């Protein structure tokens, strides 16, 4: 459930709260602003100390390394756990699983913001802002459900290859919705992104058309959410920090998903309880899976706070390859040389796209 993000920070300045979110299955090509890194006295337990006091006992390098390791663990972990639950364990309820993720995100976000004070609490100020967040929640639901559903039918490695095409859909939606045009260099960089997926699809031994289509739908929906979010929450009064946005979006998403899971997946709650009575390990799997899904969002925030937007972007590009390799080692799904080449071409295209976007922005400035 989750989406990769990039953040823009300005050290030693007043926080400018902005927002986006991410969840499952991963994700990740959104540009948001986050509050500036707090001064040392704040991080070490001064004003609003909270969670920052933990880092006072570790050197900055060790703390950063631990946060990056947690980011990798949570992002790859939620993918593998989703795949295991939906394909191998026999828990074939992707909508209900997504709803559990949203309930966990709402609960953990409330603790992180209201108790641990990871970020200042922001409030919804108007009905108009509420409706905008609700619209984003609907797109978010569609993205995560499609991403989880695709894991029932296609390997994690292929799922990650398709997910890497996010920049392609972002560029399309930005042009269609906002009429924003990129430079020719940026559009040319998208060609290997698409070409790599064509290669990987044609040579994927476990290719499933339905799984492929819902995975593409998930990737497109993540890109659409990124563009729509920038369009809807534009004024300073409406902007929300990513963790505050998750706090409000998660319960809305759970409410949206509830009627769909009851209609499509039947009495899934009773079936889950009955199965849990005979197999207590399933309770551990579901709680662990939902917890890791929230950690994806939390570690996205922490990595950017302790490193930079560029570092998160590089880590995101590498994460897809690492997740694909780990999934092949664990689930033993077959791969072909042409499939590996296609994945590599797509990843290269994403890197070229990122560099082209960076140069384009520098020229505009």
Protein backbone atom coordinates (compact mmCIF):
# COMPACT_ATOMS: atom_id res chain seq x y z
CA UNK A 1 0.00 0.00 0.00
CA UNK A 2 2.31 2.35 -0.08
CA UNK A 3 3.72 4.96 -2.45
CA UNK A 4 7.65 6.48 -2.66
CA UNK A 5 7.77 10.15 -1.96
CA UNK A 6 10.13 13.04 -2.25
CA UNK A 7 10.21 15.95 0.14
CA UNK A 8 11.54 19.50 0.07
CA UNK A 9 12.90 20.89 3.32
CA UNK A 10 14.39 24.13 4.46
CA UNK A 11 16.59 23.84 7.53
CA UNK A 12 16.33 26.20 10.49
CA UNK A 13 13.14 27.88 9.35
CA UNK A 14 9.56 27.91 10.55
CA UNK A 15 7.63 24.77 9.53
CA UNK A 16 5.60 24.99 6.38
CA UNK A 17 3.13 22.20 6.60
CA UNK A 18 2.26 20.41 3.42
CA UNK A 19 1.08 16.95 2.75
CA UNK A 20 0.80 13.75 0.91
CA UNK A 21 0.66 10.10 1.93
CA UNK A 22 1.50 6.82 0.76
CA UNK A 23 0.61 3.18 1.80
CA UNK A 24 1.02 -0.23 0.38
CA UNK A 25 2.13 -1.79 -1.82
CA UNK A 26 4.48 1.05 -2.93
CA UNK A 27 4.73 3.37 -3.88
CA UNK A 28 5.88 6.35 -4.67
CA UNK A 29 6.42 9.39 -6.88
CA UNK A 30 4.89 12.35 -5.10
CA UNK A 31 6.39 15.74 -4.31
CA UNK A 32 5.50 17.31 -0.98
CA UNK A 33 6.88 19.75 1.52
CA UNK A 34 7.65 18.88 5.13
CA UNK A 35 8.46 20.92 8.19
CA UNK A 36 12.04 22.03 8.60
CA UNK A 37 14.31 19.82 10.70
CA UNK A 38 13.90 20.98 14.33
CA UNK A 39 16.86 22.60 16.11
CA UNK A 40 19.05 20.41 18.23
CA UNK A 41 17.41 21.39 21.52
CA UNK A 42 14.02 20.34 20.16
CA UNK A 43 15.22 17.03 18.74
CA UNK A 44 16.99 16.17 21.97
CA UNK A 45 13.96 16.57 24.17
CA UNK A 46 13.46 20.33 24.42
CA UNK A 47 10.28 22.00 23.32
CA UNK A 48 7.93 19.32 22.04
CA UNK A 49 10.70 16.75 22.62
CA UNK A 50 8.58 13.61 22.25
CA UNK A 51 9.99 11.19 19.74
CA UNK A 52 13.08 13.30 19.00
CA UNK A 53 14.52 12.52 22.42
CA UNK A 54 15.15 8.94 21.31
CA UNK A 55 17.80 10.11 18.85
CA UNK A 56 19.78 11.90 21.56
CA UNK A 57 21.35 8.61 22.65
CA UNK A 58 22.63 7.72 19.17
CA UNK A 59 25.10 9.39 16.85
CA UNK A 60 23.48 11.09 13.84
CA UNK A 61 25.05 8.61 11.39
CA UNK A 62 23.85 5.55 13.30
CA UNK A 63 20.37 7.02 13.72
CA UNK A 64 20.13 7.80 9.99
CA UNK A 65 21.33 4.29 9.10
CA UNK A 66 18.71 2.74 11.39
CA UNK A 67 15.95 4.89 9.88
CA UNK A 68 16.96 3.97 6.32
CA UNK A 69 17.10 0.28 7.29
CA UNK A 70 13.61 0.60 8.81
CA UNK A 71 12.37 2.25 5.62
CA UNK A 72 13.67 -0.65 3.51
CA UNK A 73 12.30 -3.24 5.93
CA UNK A 74 8.82 -1.72 6.04
CA UNK A 75 8.49 -1.07 2.30
CA UNK A 76 9.72 -4.50 1.25
CA UNK A 77 8.11 -6.20 4.23
CA UNK A 78 4.59 -5.02 3.46
CA UNK A 79 4.93 -6.19 -0.15
CA UNK A 80 6.11 -9.65 0.87
CA UNK A 81 3.52 -9.99 3.63
CA UNK A 82 0.72 -8.96 1.27
CA UNK A 83 1.93 -11.47 -1.30
CA UNK A 84 2.19 -14.23 1.27
CA UNK A 85 -1.26 -13.57 2.73
CA UNK A 86 -3.08 -13.18 -0.57
CA UNK A 87 -1.34 -15.83 -2.69
CA UNK A 88 0.23 -18.46 -0.44
CA UNK A 89 -1.59 -18.31 2.89
CA UNK A 90 -5.02 -18.36 1.28
CA UNK A 91 -6.40 -15.11 2.72
CA UNK A 92 -8.05 -13.99 -0.51
CA UNK A 93 -9.70 -10.80 0.67
CA UNK A 94 -7.69 -7.84 -0.68
CA UNK A 95 -10.40 -5.25 0.06
CA UNK A 96 -10.78 -6.36 3.67
CA UNK A 97 -6.99 -6.46 4.05
CA UNK A 98 -6.76 -2.88 2.76
CA UNK A 99 -9.48 -1.82 5.21
CA UNK A 100 -7.44 -3.32 8.07
CA UNK A 101 -4.45 -1.29 6.83
CA UNK A 102 -6.53 1.89 6.93
CA UNK A 103 -7.81 1.18 10.45
CA UNK A 104 -4.25 0.58 11.62
CA UNK A 105 -3.02 3.77 9.93
CA UNK A 106 -5.78 5.80 11.60
CA UNK A 107 -4.98 4.34 15.04
CA UNK A 108 -1.20 4.63 14.81
CA UNK A 109 -1.40 8.12 13.28
CA UNK A 110 -3.51 9.30 16.20
CA UNK A 111 -0.92 8.00 18.67
CA UNK A 112 2.02 9.44 16.70
CA UNK A 113 0.48 12.92 16.42
CA UNK A 114 -1.54 13.29 19.63
CA UNK A 115 0.68 11.33 22.05
CA UNK A 116 4.22 11.20 20.65
CA UNK A 117 3.88 14.62 18.96
CA UNK A 118 5.91 13.56 15.93
CA UNK A 119 4.37 16.51 14.07
CA UNK A 120 1.98 19.27 15.21
CA UNK A 121 -1.72 18.45 14.95
CA UNK A 122 -3.63 20.20 12.16
CA UNK A 123 -7.40 20.40 11.89
CA UNK A 124 -9.85 20.33 9.00
CA UNK A 125 -11.02 23.91 8.72
CA UNK A 126 -14.01 23.74 6.38
CA UNK A 127 -16.52 21.45 4.72
CA UNK A 128 -14.89 22.18 1.38
CA UNK A 129 -11.53 20.97 2.66
CA UNK A 130 -13.21 17.85 4.09
CA UNK A 131 -14.74 17.02 0.70
CA UNK A 132 -11.37 17.43 -1.01
CA UNK A 133 -9.72 15.05 1.45
CA UNK A 134 -12.61 12.61 0.98
CA UNK A 135 -12.06 12.68 -2.80
CA UNK A 136 -8.38 11.94 -2.30
CA UNK A 137 -9.32 9.09 0.03
CA UNK A 138 -11.46 7.50 -2.69
CA UNK A 139 -8.58 7.61 -5.19
CA UNK A 140 -6.22 6.32 -2.50
CA UNK A 141 -8.57 3.37 -1.77
CA UNK A 142 -8.73 2.42 -5.42
CA UNK A 143 -4.95 2.53 -5.72
CA UNK A 144 -4.23 0.39 -2.66
CA UNK A 145 -6.97 -2.17 -3.36
CA UNK A 146 -5.76 -2.61 -6.94
CA UNK A 147 -2.18 -2.94 -5.74
CA UNK A 148 -3.08 -5.59 -3.18
CA UNK A 149 -5.32 -7.42 -5.66
CA UNK A 150 -2.54 -7.59 -8.24
CA UNK A 151 -0.35 -9.48 -5.75
CA UNK A 152 -2.80 -12.37 -5.91
CA UNK A 153 -2.08 -12.87 -9.59
CA UNK A 154 1.43 -11.65 -10.41
CA UNK A 155 4.84 -11.96 -8.67
CA UNK A 156 6.19 -9.15 -6.51
CA UNK A 157 9.08 -8.71 -8.96
CA UNK A 158 6.71 -8.01 -11.86
CA UNK A 159 4.50 -5.87 -9.61
CA UNK A 160 7.50 -3.66 -8.82
CA UNK A 161 8.48 -3.41 -12.48
CA UNK A 162 4.99 -2.18 -13.39
CA UNK A 163 4.95 0.16 -10.38
CA UNK A 164 8.12 1.84 -11.64
CA UNK A 165 6.10 3.35 -14.50
CA UNK A 166 4.56 5.86 -12.07
CA UNK A 167 6.38 8.88 -13.61
CA UNK A 168 4.85 8.05 -16.99
CA UNK A 169 1.29 8.31 -15.64
CA UNK A 170 2.15 11.37 -13.55
CA UNK A 171 3.32 13.20 -16.67
CA UNK A 172 0.16 12.19 -18.55
CA UNK A 173 -2.26 13.27 -15.80
CA UNK A 174 -0.35 16.51 -15.19
CA UNK A 175 -0.78 17.35 -18.87
CA UNK A 176 -4.45 16.28 -19.11
CA UNK A 177 -5.63 17.88 -15.86
CA UNK A 178 -3.39 20.92 -15.41
CA UNK A 179 -2.13 21.33 -19.02
CA UNK A 180 1.39 21.33 -17.61
CA UNK A 181 3.97 20.59 -20.28
CA UNK A 182 7.41 19.17 -19.57
CA UNK A 183 10.55 19.61 -21.64
CA UNK A 184 11.28 17.31 -24.56
CA UNK A 185 14.10 15.75 -22.53
CA UNK A 186 11.66 14.73 -19.78
CA UNK A 187 9.25 13.10 -22.23
CA UNK A 188 12.08 11.28 -24.01
CA UNK A 189 13.23 9.87 -20.67
CA UNK A 190 9.81 8.22 -20.29
CA UNK A 191 10.30 6.08 -23.41
CA UNK A 192 12.61 3.52 -21.75
CA UNK A 193 10.18 3.37 -18.81
CA UNK A 194 7.43 2.08 -21.10
CA UNK A 195 9.75 0.03 -23.33
CA UNK A 196 11.16 -1.82 -20.32
CA UNK A 197 7.69 -2.87 -19.19
CA UNK A 198 6.88 -4.14 -22.68
CA UNK A 199 10.00 -6.32 -22.56
CA UNK A 200 9.27 -7.53 -19.02
CA UNK A 201 5.61 -8.30 -19.82
CA UNK A 202 6.37 -10.29 -22.96
CA UNK A 203 8.88 -12.48 -21.12
CA UNK A 204 7.17 -12.83 -17.70
CA UNK A 205 6.64 -16.59 -17.07
CA UNK A 206 3.78 -15.97 -14.61
CA UNK A 207 2.12 -13.19 -16.58
CA UNK A 208 -1.58 -12.77 -15.78
CA UNK A 209 -3.58 -10.24 -17.78
CA UNK A 210 -6.00 -9.36 -14.97
CA UNK A 211 -3.17 -8.99 -12.45
CA UNK A 212 -1.24 -6.82 -14.89
CA UNK A 213 -4.23 -4.56 -15.58
CA UNK A 214 -5.07 -3.98 -11.91
CA UNK A 215 -1.39 -3.30 -11.18
CA UNK A 216 -1.32 -0.70 -13.96
CA UNK A 217 -4.55 0.74 -12.54
CA UNK A 218 -2.95 0.99 -9.10
CA UNK A 219 0.10 2.77 -10.50
CA UNK A 220 -2.07 5.16 -12.51
CA UNK A 221 -4.26 5.90 -9.48
CA UNK A 222 -1.21 6.76 -7.37
CA UNK A 223 -0.11 9.20 -10.05
CA UNK A 224 -3.63 10.66 -10.31
CA UNK A 225 -3.76 11.17 -6.54
CA UNK A 226 -0.46 13.03 -6.67
CA UNK A 227 -1.70 15.41 -9.35
CA UNK A 228 -5.19 15.88 -7.88
CA UNK A 229 -3.75 16.50 -4.42
CA UNK A 230 -1.58 19.30 -5.76
CA UNK A 231 -4.63 20.72 -7.49
CA UNK A 232 -7.08 20.50 -4.57
CA UNK A 233 -5.00 21.37 -1.52
CA UNK A 234 -3.31 24.44 -2.98
CA UNK A 235 -3.93 27.27 -0.51
CA UNK A 236 -1.77 27.64 2.59
CA UNK A 237 -4.85 27.24 4.78
CA UNK A 238 -5.70 23.85 3.21
CA UNK A 239 -2.25 22.28 3.09
CA UNK A 240 -1.74 19.40 5.48
CA UNK A 241 1.41 17.63 6.55
CA UNK A 242 1.59 14.10 5.16
CA UNK A 243 1.06 12.51 8.58
CA UNK A 244 -1.93 14.74 9.32
CA UNK A 245 -3.35 13.97 5.90
CA UNK A 246 -2.97 10.24 6.63
CA UNK A 247 -4.72 10.76 9.99
CA UNK A 248 -7.83 12.05 8.18
CA UNK A 249 -7.64 9.97 5.00
CA UNK A 250 -7.26 6.57 6.70
CA UNK A 251 -10.62 6.50 8.54
CA UNK A 252 -12.38 7.95 5.47
CA UNK A 253 -10.82 5.21 3.34
CA UNK A 254 -11.92 2.55 5.83
CA UNK A 255 -15.51 3.81 5.65
CA UNK A 256 -15.41 3.80 1.84
CA UNK A 257 -14.06 0.25 1.78
CA UNK A 258 -16.53 -1.21 4.31
CA UNK A 259 -19.58 -1.54 2.01
CA UNK A 260 -17.41 -2.86 -0.83
CA UNK A 261 -15.83 -5.58 1.27
CA UNK A 262 -19.26 -6.62 2.61
CA UNK A 263 -20.80 -6.72 -0.87
CA UNK A 264 -17.91 -8.28 -2.81
CA UNK A 265 -16.20 -10.43 -0.18
CA UNK A 266 -19.28 -11.43 1.82
CA UNK A 267 -19.22 -12.01 5.57
CA UNK A 268 -15.44 -11.76 5.59
CA UNK A 269 -15.20 -10.59 9.21
CA UNK A 270 -16.94 -13.72 10.54
CA UNK A 271 -14.92 -15.96 8.23
CA UNK A 272 -11.69 -14.33 9.43
CA UNK A 273 -12.64 -14.77 13.09
CA UNK A 274 -13.53 -18.43 12.53
CA UNK A 275 -10.28 -19.07 10.71
CA UNK A 276 -8.32 -17.25 13.42
CA UNK A 277 -9.80 -19.55 16.09
CA UNK A 278 -8.34 -22.55 14.32
CA UNK A 279 -5.11 -20.80 13.35
CA UNK A 280 -3.96 -18.10 15.83
CA UNK A 281 -0.96 -17.40 13.59
CA UNK A 282 -3.32 -15.58 11.22
CA UNK A 283 -4.01 -12.95 13.90
CA UNK A 284 -0.29 -12.31 14.19
CA UNK A 285 0.02 -12.06 10.40
CA UNK A 286 -2.85 -9.59 10.03
CA UNK A 287 -1.76 -7.35 12.91
CA UNK A 288 1.87 -7.46 11.78
CA UNK A 289 0.89 -6.74 8.19
CA UNK A 290 -1.25 -3.73 9.16
CA UNK A 291 1.48 -2.40 11.46
CA UNK A 292 4.15 -2.63 8.77
CA UNK A 293 1.77 -0.88 6.36
CA UNK A 294 1.70 2.10 8.73
CA UNK A 295 5.48 2.00 9.21
CA UNK A 296 5.84 2.59 5.47
CA UNK A 297 4.26 6.02 5.91
CA UNK A 298 6.14 6.83 9.12
CA UNK A 299 9.57 5.86 7.76
CA UNK A 300 8.97 7.81 4.53
CA UNK A 301 8.61 10.90 6.72
CA UNK A 302 11.63 10.06 8.90
CA UNK A 303 13.99 9.26 6.00
CA UNK A 304 13.32 12.61 4.39
CA UNK A 305 13.61 14.46 7.69
CA UNK A 306 17.04 12.95 8.40
CA UNK A 307 18.40 12.88 4.83
CA UNK A 308 17.02 14.71 1.78
CA UNK A 309 14.49 14.46 -1.03
CA UNK A 310 17.22 13.28 -3.42
CA UNK A 311 18.27 10.50 -1.04
CA UNK A 312 14.70 9.23 -0.79
CA UNK A 313 14.42 9.30 -4.56
CA UNK A 314 17.59 7.23 -4.96
CA UNK A 315 16.47 4.81 -2.26
CA UNK A 316 13.10 4.47 -3.97
CA UNK A 317 14.71 3.53 -7.27
CA UNK A 318 16.87 0.93 -5.56
CA UNK A 319 14.01 -0.40 -3.41
CA UNK A 320 12.10 -1.82 -6.37
CA UNK A 321 15.13 -3.84 -7.48
CA UNK A 322 15.84 -5.05 -3.94
CA UNK A 323 12.18 -6.04 -3.41
CA UNK A 324 12.17 -7.94 -6.71
CA UNK A 325 15.35 -9.86 -5.80
CA UNK A 326 14.14 -10.68 -2.29
CA UNK A 327 10.77 -11.89 -3.57
CA UNK A 328 12.43 -14.18 -6.11
CA UNK A 329 14.64 -15.66 -3.38
CA UNK A 330 11.69 -16.20 -1.01
CA UNK A 331 8.86 -17.23 -3.34
CA UNK A 332 11.05 -18.87 -6.02
CA UNK A 333 9.03 -17.43 -8.88
CA UNK A 334 10.74 -18.01 -12.24
CA UNK A 335 12.42 -15.11 -14.02
CA UNK A 336 13.92 -14.77 -17.48
CA UNK A 337 16.93 -12.86 -18.74
CA UNK A 338 14.67 -10.71 -20.91
CA UNK A 339 12.48 -9.96 -17.90
CA UNK A 340 15.50 -8.80 -15.91
CA UNK A 341 16.62 -6.65 -18.85
CA UNK A 342 13.14 -5.11 -19.11
CA UNK A 343 13.11 -4.28 -15.40
CA UNK A 344 16.59 -2.75 -15.68
CA UNK A 345 15.55 -0.63 -18.67
CA UNK A 346 12.48 0.64 -16.79
CA UNK A 347 14.57 1.49 -13.73
CA UNK A 348 17.11 3.28 -15.92
CA UNK A 349 14.27 5.26 -17.49
CA UNK A 350 13.04 6.33 -14.04
CA UNK A 351 16.55 7.54 -13.14
CA UNK A 352 16.83 9.45 -16.43
CA UNK A 353 13.40 10.95 -15.86
CA UNK A 354 14.38 12.13 -12.38
CA UNK A 355 17.58 13.73 -13.68
CA UNK A 356 15.73 15.39 -16.57
CA UNK A 357 13.10 16.79 -14.18
CA UNK A 358 15.84 18.15 -11.92
CA UNK A 359 17.59 19.90 -14.83
CA UNK A 360 14.30 21.26 -16.10
CA UNK A 361 13.50 22.79 -12.71
CA UNK A 362 16.95 24.34 -12.41
CA UNK A 363 16.56 25.95 -15.83
CA UNK A 364 13.14 27.35 -14.92
CA UNK A 365 14.59 28.94 -11.79
